[in-house]
Amino acid sequence: MTDNDHPVAGIIRNVRNIFMAALVLGLVAFPALSQTRQSSSHMDDQALAELFLALSQSANSTEAAKIANRIWKIWLTPSPVELFNQMQDVMKARQLGDFGRAVRLLDEITANYPGYAEAFNQRATLLFLVKDYNAALLDLAETLRLEPRHFGALVAQAIIYQRLGKNRQALRSIVAALKIYPYLEQRNLFEQLLKPITRI
């Protein structure tokens, strides 16, 4: 199957303006593409544990954003080398606007590496962009099953639930995200939901 033959490729070609809106919302993470892959998942686990602790204790939004970017970098630079290279191809395709190729690669990655949470999250982002909310929620649920601390997936989940009028579920997701990332930039998107809450 070619990139243009992919079932959602034609739709994705028409949503670049929506994609730019998602960039503004912070739903799409594009840390600098690393030139060296992560050598050990165990090392990644240790680093992530330390980073998430630091994120929850960050003193201000600037410090928190720097820590969050380091977390994204680990999520997007996995091992083994084959998976790392495929994810590099995904991110390059998205940066170039070749969303059909990005989706095709993510389909392959999720099939071949079902334990890699970020592949499901990245595919969920594309499904969100084409407003396939139910499919996006399935991928986000899988992301969170594999990585319960994934604040990006929780934010996306909250946005989708809010759009579907499921405010209780949206509130649950955004509160969970804020417990992990108190200075979350997207908090202002949920002011009405969070107003009754005096303490997260």
C-alpha atoms as a PDB file:
ATOM      1  CA  MET A   1       0.000   0.000   0.000  1.00  0.00           C
ATOM      2  CA  THR A   2       1.380   3.381  -0.951  1.00  0.00           C
ATOM      3  CA  ASP A   3       1.174   6.442   1.296  1.00  0.00           C
ATOM      4  CA  ASN A   4      -1.578   7.897  -0.877  1.00  0.00           C
ATOM      5  CA  ASP A   5      -3.580   4.647  -0.638  1.00  0.00           C
ATOM      6  CA  HIS A   6      -3.777   4.744   3.157  1.00  0.00           C
ATOM      7  CA  PRO A   7      -7.431   5.038   4.311  1.00  0.00           C
ATOM      8  CA  VAL A   8      -6.897   8.342   6.114  1.00  0.00           C
ATOM      9  CA  ALA A   9      -4.226   9.833   3.876  1.00  0.00           C
ATOM     10  CA  GLY A  10      -6.692  11.764   1.756  1.00  0.00           C
ATOM     11  CA  ILE A  11      -8.403  13.228   4.795  1.00  0.00           C
ATOM     12  CA  ILE A  12      -5.135  14.152   6.467  1.00  0.00           C
ATOM     13  CA  ARG A  13      -4.010  16.117   3.419  1.00  0.00           C
ATOM     14  CA  ASN A  14      -6.963  18.454   4.030  1.00  0.00           C
ATOM     15  CA  VAL A  15      -6.403  19.144   7.733  1.00  0.00           C
ATOM     16  CA  ARG A  16      -3.088  20.986   7.795  1.00  0.00           C
ATOM     17  CA  ASN A  17      -4.810  24.057   9.165  1.00  0.00           C
ATOM     18  CA  ILE A  18      -6.256  21.945  11.981  1.00  0.00           C
ATOM     19  CA  PHE A  19      -2.792  20.513  12.576  1.00  0.00           C
ATOM     20  CA  MET A  20      -1.414  24.013  13.054  1.00  0.00           C
ATOM     21  CA  ALA A  21      -4.178  24.673  15.575  1.00  0.00           C
ATOM     22  CA  ALA A  22      -3.131  21.547  17.442  1.00  0.00           C
ATOM     23  CA  LEU A  23       0.413  22.862  17.545  1.00  0.00           C
ATOM     24  CA  VAL A  24      -0.914  25.966  19.264  1.00  0.00           C
ATOM     25  CA  LEU A  25      -2.821  23.819  21.753  1.00  0.00           C
ATOM     26  CA  GLY A  26       0.352  21.932  22.536  1.00  0.00           C
ATOM     27  CA  LEU A  27      -1.068  18.577  21.456  1.00  0.00           C
ATOM     28  CA  VAL A  28       1.819  17.900  19.095  1.00  0.00           C
ATOM     29  CA  ALA A  29       5.285  17.623  20.548  1.00  0.00           C
ATOM     30  CA  PHE A  30       8.269  18.254  18.297  1.00  0.00           C
ATOM     31  CA  PRO A  31      11.398  18.185  20.464  1.00  0.00           C
ATOM     32  CA  ALA A  32      14.663  18.464  18.553  1.00  0.00           C
ATOM     33  CA  LEU A  33      15.318  15.210  16.749  1.00  0.00           C
ATOM     34  CA  SER A  34      18.102  13.437  18.589  1.00  0.00           C
ATOM     35  CA  GLN A  35      21.046  12.071  16.671  1.00  0.00           C
ATOM     36  CA  THR A  36      21.704   9.326  19.232  1.00  0.00           C
ATOM     37  CA  ARG A  37      19.217   6.744  20.341  1.00  0.00           C
ATOM     38  CA  GLN A  38      18.487   5.781  23.922  1.00  0.00           C
ATOM     39  CA  SER A  39      20.762   2.844  24.700  1.00  0.00           C
ATOM     40  CA  SER A  40      18.752   1.241  27.495  1.00  0.00           C
ATOM     41  CA  SER A  41      15.085   1.133  28.392  1.00  0.00           C
ATOM     42  CA  HIS A  42      16.136   0.562  32.009  1.00  0.00           C
ATOM     43  CA  MET A  43      18.125   3.789  31.930  1.00  0.00           C
ATOM     44  CA  ASP A  44      15.106   5.524  30.414  1.00  0.00           C
ATOM     45  CA  ASP A  45      12.876   4.214  33.210  1.00  0.00           C
ATOM     46  CA  GLN A  46      15.250   5.576  35.842  1.00  0.00           C
ATOM     47  CA  ALA A  47      15.554   8.926  34.086  1.00  0.00           C
ATOM     48  CA  LEU A  48      11.785   9.219  33.659  1.00  0.00           C
ATOM     49  CA  ALA A  49      11.154   8.471  37.328  1.00  0.00           C
ATOM     50  CA  GLU A  50      13.524  11.283  38.309  1.00  0.00           C
ATOM     51  CA  LEU A  51      12.088  13.678  35.729  1.00  0.00           C
ATOM     52  CA  PHE A  52       8.482  13.066  36.739  1.00  0.00           C
ATOM     53  CA  LEU A  53       9.384  13.693  40.369  1.00  0.00           C
ATOM     54  CA  ALA A  54      11.103  16.930  39.361  1.00  0.00           C
ATOM     55  CA  LEU A  55       8.120  17.883  37.188  1.00  0.00           C
ATOM     56  CA  SER A  56       5.685  17.485  40.069  1.00  0.00           C
ATOM     57  CA  GLN A  57       7.937  19.637  42.278  1.00  0.00           C
ATOM     58  CA  SER A  58       8.904  22.278  39.704  1.00  0.00           C
ATOM     59  CA  ALA A  59       9.008  25.839  41.027  1.00  0.00           C
ATOM     60  CA  ASN A  60       7.597  27.627  37.975  1.00  0.00           C
ATOM     61  CA  SER A  61       6.252  27.129  34.464  1.00  0.00           C
ATOM     62  CA  THR A  62       9.611  27.742  32.771  1.00  0.00           C
ATOM     63  CA  GLU A  63      11.349  25.069  34.800  1.00  0.00           C
ATOM     64  CA  ALA A  64       8.426  22.693  34.299  1.00  0.00           C
ATOM     65  CA  ALA A  65       8.454  23.172  30.512  1.00  0.00           C
ATOM     66  CA  LYS A  66      12.159  22.323  30.352  1.00  0.00           C
ATOM     67  CA  ILE A  67      11.579  19.136  32.326  1.00  0.00           C
ATOM     68  CA  ALA A  68       8.573  18.216  30.180  1.00  0.00           C
ATOM     69  CA  ASN A  69      10.670  18.643  27.027  1.00  0.00           C
ATOM     70  CA  ARG A  70      13.235  16.211  28.427  1.00  0.00           C
ATOM     71  CA  ILE A  71      10.461  13.703  29.069  1.00  0.00           C
ATOM     72  CA  TRP A  72       9.166  14.104  25.507  1.00  0.00           C
ATOM     73  CA  LYS A  73      12.681  13.549  24.179  1.00  0.00           C
ATOM     74  CA  ILE A  74      12.941  10.214  25.989  1.00  0.00           C
ATOM     75  CA  TRP A  75       9.506   9.155  24.790  1.00  0.00           C
ATOM     76  CA  LEU A  76      10.446   9.991  21.203  1.00  0.00           C
ATOM     77  CA  THR A  77      13.908   8.379  21.214  1.00  0.00           C
ATOM     78  CA  PRO A  78      13.275   4.717  22.036  1.00  0.00           C
ATOM     79  CA  SER A  79      15.392   1.614  21.651  1.00  0.00           C
ATOM     80  CA  PRO A  80      16.055  -0.697  19.793  1.00  0.00           C
ATOM     81  CA  VAL A  81      17.709   1.127  16.931  1.00  0.00           C
ATOM     82  CA  GLU A  82      15.123  -0.081  14.405  1.00  0.00           C
ATOM     83  CA  LEU A  83      12.295   1.472  16.403  1.00  0.00           C
ATOM     84  CA  PHE A  84      14.319   4.618  16.992  1.00  0.00           C
ATOM     85  CA  ASN A  85      14.902   5.027  13.258  1.00  0.00           C
ATOM     86  CA  GLN A  86      11.232   4.470  12.466  1.00  0.00           C
ATOM     87  CA  MET A  87      10.175   7.111  14.989  1.00  0.00           C
ATOM     88  CA  GLN A  88      12.693   9.530  13.494  1.00  0.00           C
ATOM     89  CA  ASP A  89      11.031   8.875  10.131  1.00  0.00           C
ATOM     90  CA  VAL A  90       7.586   9.512  11.659  1.00  0.00           C
ATOM     91  CA  MET A  91       8.604  12.853  13.133  1.00  0.00           C
ATOM     92  CA  LYS A  92      10.382  13.942   9.958  1.00  0.00           C
ATOM     93  CA  ALA A  93       7.318  13.018   7.892  1.00  0.00           C
ATOM     94  CA  ARG A  94       5.090  15.074  10.167  1.00  0.00           C
ATOM     95  CA  GLN A  95       7.424  18.044  10.121  1.00  0.00           C
ATOM     96  CA  LEU A  96       7.369  17.892   6.317  1.00  0.00           C
ATOM     97  CA  GLY A  97       3.574  17.651   6.276  1.00  0.00           C
ATOM     98  CA  ASP A  98       3.616  14.087   4.910  1.00  0.00           C
ATOM     99  CA  PHE A  99       0.921  12.870   7.277  1.00  0.00           C
ATOM    100  CA  GLY A 100      -0.040   9.843   5.187  1.00  0.00           C
ATOM    101  CA  ARG A 101       3.461   8.428   5.569  1.00  0.00           C
ATOM    102  CA  ALA A 102       3.445   9.257   9.284  1.00  0.00           C
ATOM    103  CA  VAL A 103       0.217   7.306   9.816  1.00  0.00           C
ATOM    104  CA  ARG A 104       1.453   4.342   7.773  1.00  0.00           C
ATOM    105  CA  LEU A 105       4.668   4.196   9.792  1.00  0.00           C
ATOM    106  CA  LEU A 106       2.758   4.417  13.062  1.00  0.00           C
ATOM    107  CA  ASP A 107       0.484   1.573  11.973  1.00  0.00           C
ATOM    108  CA  GLU A 108       3.599  -0.548  11.426  1.00  0.00           C
ATOM    109  CA  ILE A 109       5.190   0.508  14.703  1.00  0.00           C
ATOM    110  CA  THR A 110       2.115  -0.214  16.822  1.00  0.00           C
ATOM    111  CA  ALA A 111       1.860  -3.649  15.197  1.00  0.00           C
ATOM    112  CA  ASN A 112       5.545  -4.494  15.635  1.00  0.00           C
ATOM    113  CA  TYR A 113       6.146  -2.773  18.989  1.00  0.00           C
ATOM    114  CA  PRO A 114       2.841  -3.005  20.891  1.00  0.00           C
ATOM    115  CA  GLY A 115       4.566  -2.074  24.153  1.00  0.00           C
ATOM    116  CA  TYR A 116       5.744   1.321  22.915  1.00  0.00           C
ATOM    117  CA  ALA A 117       3.289   3.867  24.311  1.00  0.00           C
ATOM    118  CA  GLU A 118       4.356   6.899  22.302  1.00  0.00           C
ATOM    119  CA  ALA A 119       3.464   5.302  18.969  1.00  0.00           C
ATOM    120  CA  PHE A 120      -0.153   5.013  20.110  1.00  0.00           C
ATOM    121  CA  ASN A 121      -0.109   8.598  21.364  1.00  0.00           C
ATOM    122  CA  GLN A 122       1.273   9.927  18.084  1.00  0.00           C
ATOM    123  CA  ARG A 123      -1.339   8.021  16.088  1.00  0.00           C
ATOM    124  CA  ALA A 124      -4.049   9.298  18.432  1.00  0.00           C
ATOM    125  CA  THR A 125      -2.948  12.846  17.612  1.00  0.00           C
ATOM    126  CA  LEU A 126      -3.457  12.237  13.899  1.00  0.00           C
ATOM    127  CA  LEU A 127      -6.834  10.610  14.533  1.00  0.00           C
ATOM    128  CA  PHE A 128      -7.799  13.637  16.622  1.00  0.00           C
ATOM    129  CA  LEU A 129      -6.893  15.904  13.732  1.00  0.00           C
ATOM    130  CA  VAL A 130      -9.293  14.075  11.412  1.00  0.00           C
ATOM    131  CA  LYS A 131     -11.957  14.119  14.165  1.00  0.00           C
ATOM    132  CA  ASP A 132     -12.042  10.330  14.522  1.00  0.00           C
ATOM    133  CA  TYR A 133     -12.500  10.819  18.247  1.00  0.00           C
ATOM    134  CA  ASN A 134     -13.530   7.279  19.150  1.00  0.00           C
ATOM    135  CA  ALA A 135     -10.457   5.778  17.500  1.00  0.00           C
ATOM    136  CA  ALA A 136      -8.274   8.458  19.069  1.00  0.00           C
ATOM    137  CA  LEU A 137      -9.685   7.640  22.512  1.00  0.00           C
ATOM    138  CA  LEU A 138      -8.839   3.975  22.002  1.00  0.00           C
ATOM    139  CA  ASP A 139      -5.227   4.844  21.180  1.00  0.00           C
ATOM    140  CA  LEU A 140      -5.051   7.257  24.119  1.00  0.00           C
ATOM    141  CA  ALA A 141      -6.384   4.565  26.445  1.00  0.00           C
ATOM    142  CA  GLU A 142      -3.655   2.225  25.235  1.00  0.00           C
ATOM    143  CA  THR A 143      -1.053   4.961  25.670  1.00  0.00           C
ATOM    144  CA  LEU A 144      -2.145   5.451  29.275  1.00  0.00           C
ATOM    145  CA  ARG A 145      -2.276   1.730  29.952  1.00  0.00           C
ATOM    146  CA  LEU A 146       1.366   1.520  28.905  1.00  0.00           C
ATOM    147  CA  GLU A 147       2.423   4.873  30.432  1.00  0.00           C
ATOM    148  CA  PRO A 148      -0.056   6.139  33.071  1.00  0.00           C
ATOM    149  CA  ARG A 149       2.020   9.318  33.570  1.00  0.00           C
ATOM    150  CA  HIS A 150       1.571  10.460  29.971  1.00  0.00           C
ATOM    151  CA  PHE A 151       0.305  14.008  30.551  1.00  0.00           C
ATOM    152  CA  GLY A 152       0.047  14.654  26.804  1.00  0.00           C
ATOM    153  CA  ALA A 153      -2.351  11.749  26.370  1.00  0.00           C
ATOM    154  CA  LEU A 154      -4.384  12.895  29.371  1.00  0.00           C
ATOM    155  CA  VAL A 155      -4.729  16.411  27.931  1.00  0.00           C
ATOM    156  CA  ALA A 156      -5.782  15.068  24.537  1.00  0.00           C
ATOM    157  CA  GLN A 157      -8.258  12.773  26.265  1.00  0.00           C
ATOM    158  CA  ALA A 158      -9.709  15.707  28.208  1.00  0.00           C
ATOM    159  CA  ILE A 159     -10.069  17.828  25.062  1.00  0.00           C
ATOM    160  CA  ILE A 160     -11.866  15.045  23.209  1.00  0.00           C
ATOM    161  CA  TYR A 161     -14.200  14.328  26.115  1.00  0.00           C
ATOM    162  CA  GLN A 162     -15.001  18.029  26.387  1.00  0.00           C
ATOM    163  CA  ARG A 163     -15.803  18.200  22.670  1.00  0.00           C
ATOM    164  CA  LEU A 164     -18.090  15.196  23.078  1.00  0.00           C
ATOM    165  CA  GLY A 165     -19.881  16.903  25.962  1.00  0.00           C
ATOM    166  CA  LYS A 166     -18.522  14.411  28.506  1.00  0.00           C
ATOM    167  CA  ASN A 167     -17.399  16.985  31.029  1.00  0.00           C
ATOM    168  CA  ARG A 168     -17.097  14.608  33.963  1.00  0.00           C
ATOM    169  CA  GLN A 169     -14.633  12.418  32.069  1.00  0.00           C
ATOM    170  CA  ALA A 170     -12.821  15.513  30.784  1.00  0.00           C
ATOM    171  CA  LEU A 171     -12.428  16.821  34.320  1.00  0.00           C
ATOM    172  CA  ARG A 172     -11.087  13.489  35.533  1.00  0.00           C
ATOM    173  CA  SER A 173      -8.472  13.453  32.772  1.00  0.00           C
ATOM    174  CA  ILE A 174      -7.287  17.037  33.230  1.00  0.00           C
ATOM    175  CA  VAL A 175      -7.087  16.669  37.018  1.00  0.00           C
ATOM    176  CA  ALA A 176      -4.952  13.549  36.525  1.00  0.00           C
ATOM    177  CA  ALA A 177      -2.701  15.487  34.135  1.00  0.00           C
ATOM    178  CA  LEU A 178      -2.314  18.367  36.591  1.00  0.00           C
ATOM    179  CA  LYS A 179      -1.260  16.017  39.368  1.00  0.00           C
ATOM    180  CA  ILE A 180       1.602  14.927  37.125  1.00  0.00           C
ATOM    181  CA  TYR A 181       2.341  18.337  35.571  1.00  0.00           C
ATOM    182  CA  PRO A 182       1.018  21.153  37.820  1.00  0.00           C
ATOM    183  CA  TYR A 183       2.169  23.923  35.448  1.00  0.00           C
ATOM    184  CA  LEU A 184       0.547  22.323  32.411  1.00  0.00           C
ATOM    185  CA  GLU A 185       0.197  24.960  29.695  1.00  0.00           C
ATOM    186  CA  GLN A 186      -3.209  23.685  28.556  1.00  0.00           C
ATOM    187  CA  ARG A 187      -4.792  24.213  31.971  1.00  0.00           C
ATOM    188  CA  ASN A 188      -6.482  27.413  30.737  1.00  0.00           C
ATOM    189  CA  LEU A 189      -8.494  25.354  28.231  1.00  0.00           C
ATOM    190  CA  PHE A 190     -10.431  23.855  31.125  1.00  0.00           C
ATOM    191  CA  GLU A 191     -11.061  26.878  33.350  1.00  0.00           C
ATOM    192  CA  GLN A 192     -14.815  26.301  33.550  1.00  0.00           C
ATOM    193  CA  LEU A 193     -14.364  22.643  34.456  1.00  0.00           C
ATOM    194  CA  LEU A 194     -11.708  23.407  37.065  1.00  0.00           C
ATOM    195  CA  LYS A 195     -13.441  26.431  38.627  1.00  0.00           C
ATOM    196  CA  PRO A 196     -15.251  24.446  41.359  1.00  0.00           C
ATOM    197  CA  ILE A 197     -11.975  22.798  42.387  1.00  0.00           C
ATOM    198  CA  THR A 198     -10.000  24.738  44.944  1.00  0.00           C
ATOM    199  CA  ARG A 199      -7.095  22.348  45.161  1.00  0.00           C
ATOM    200  CA  ILE A 200      -5.687  19.791  42.741  1.00  0.00           C
END
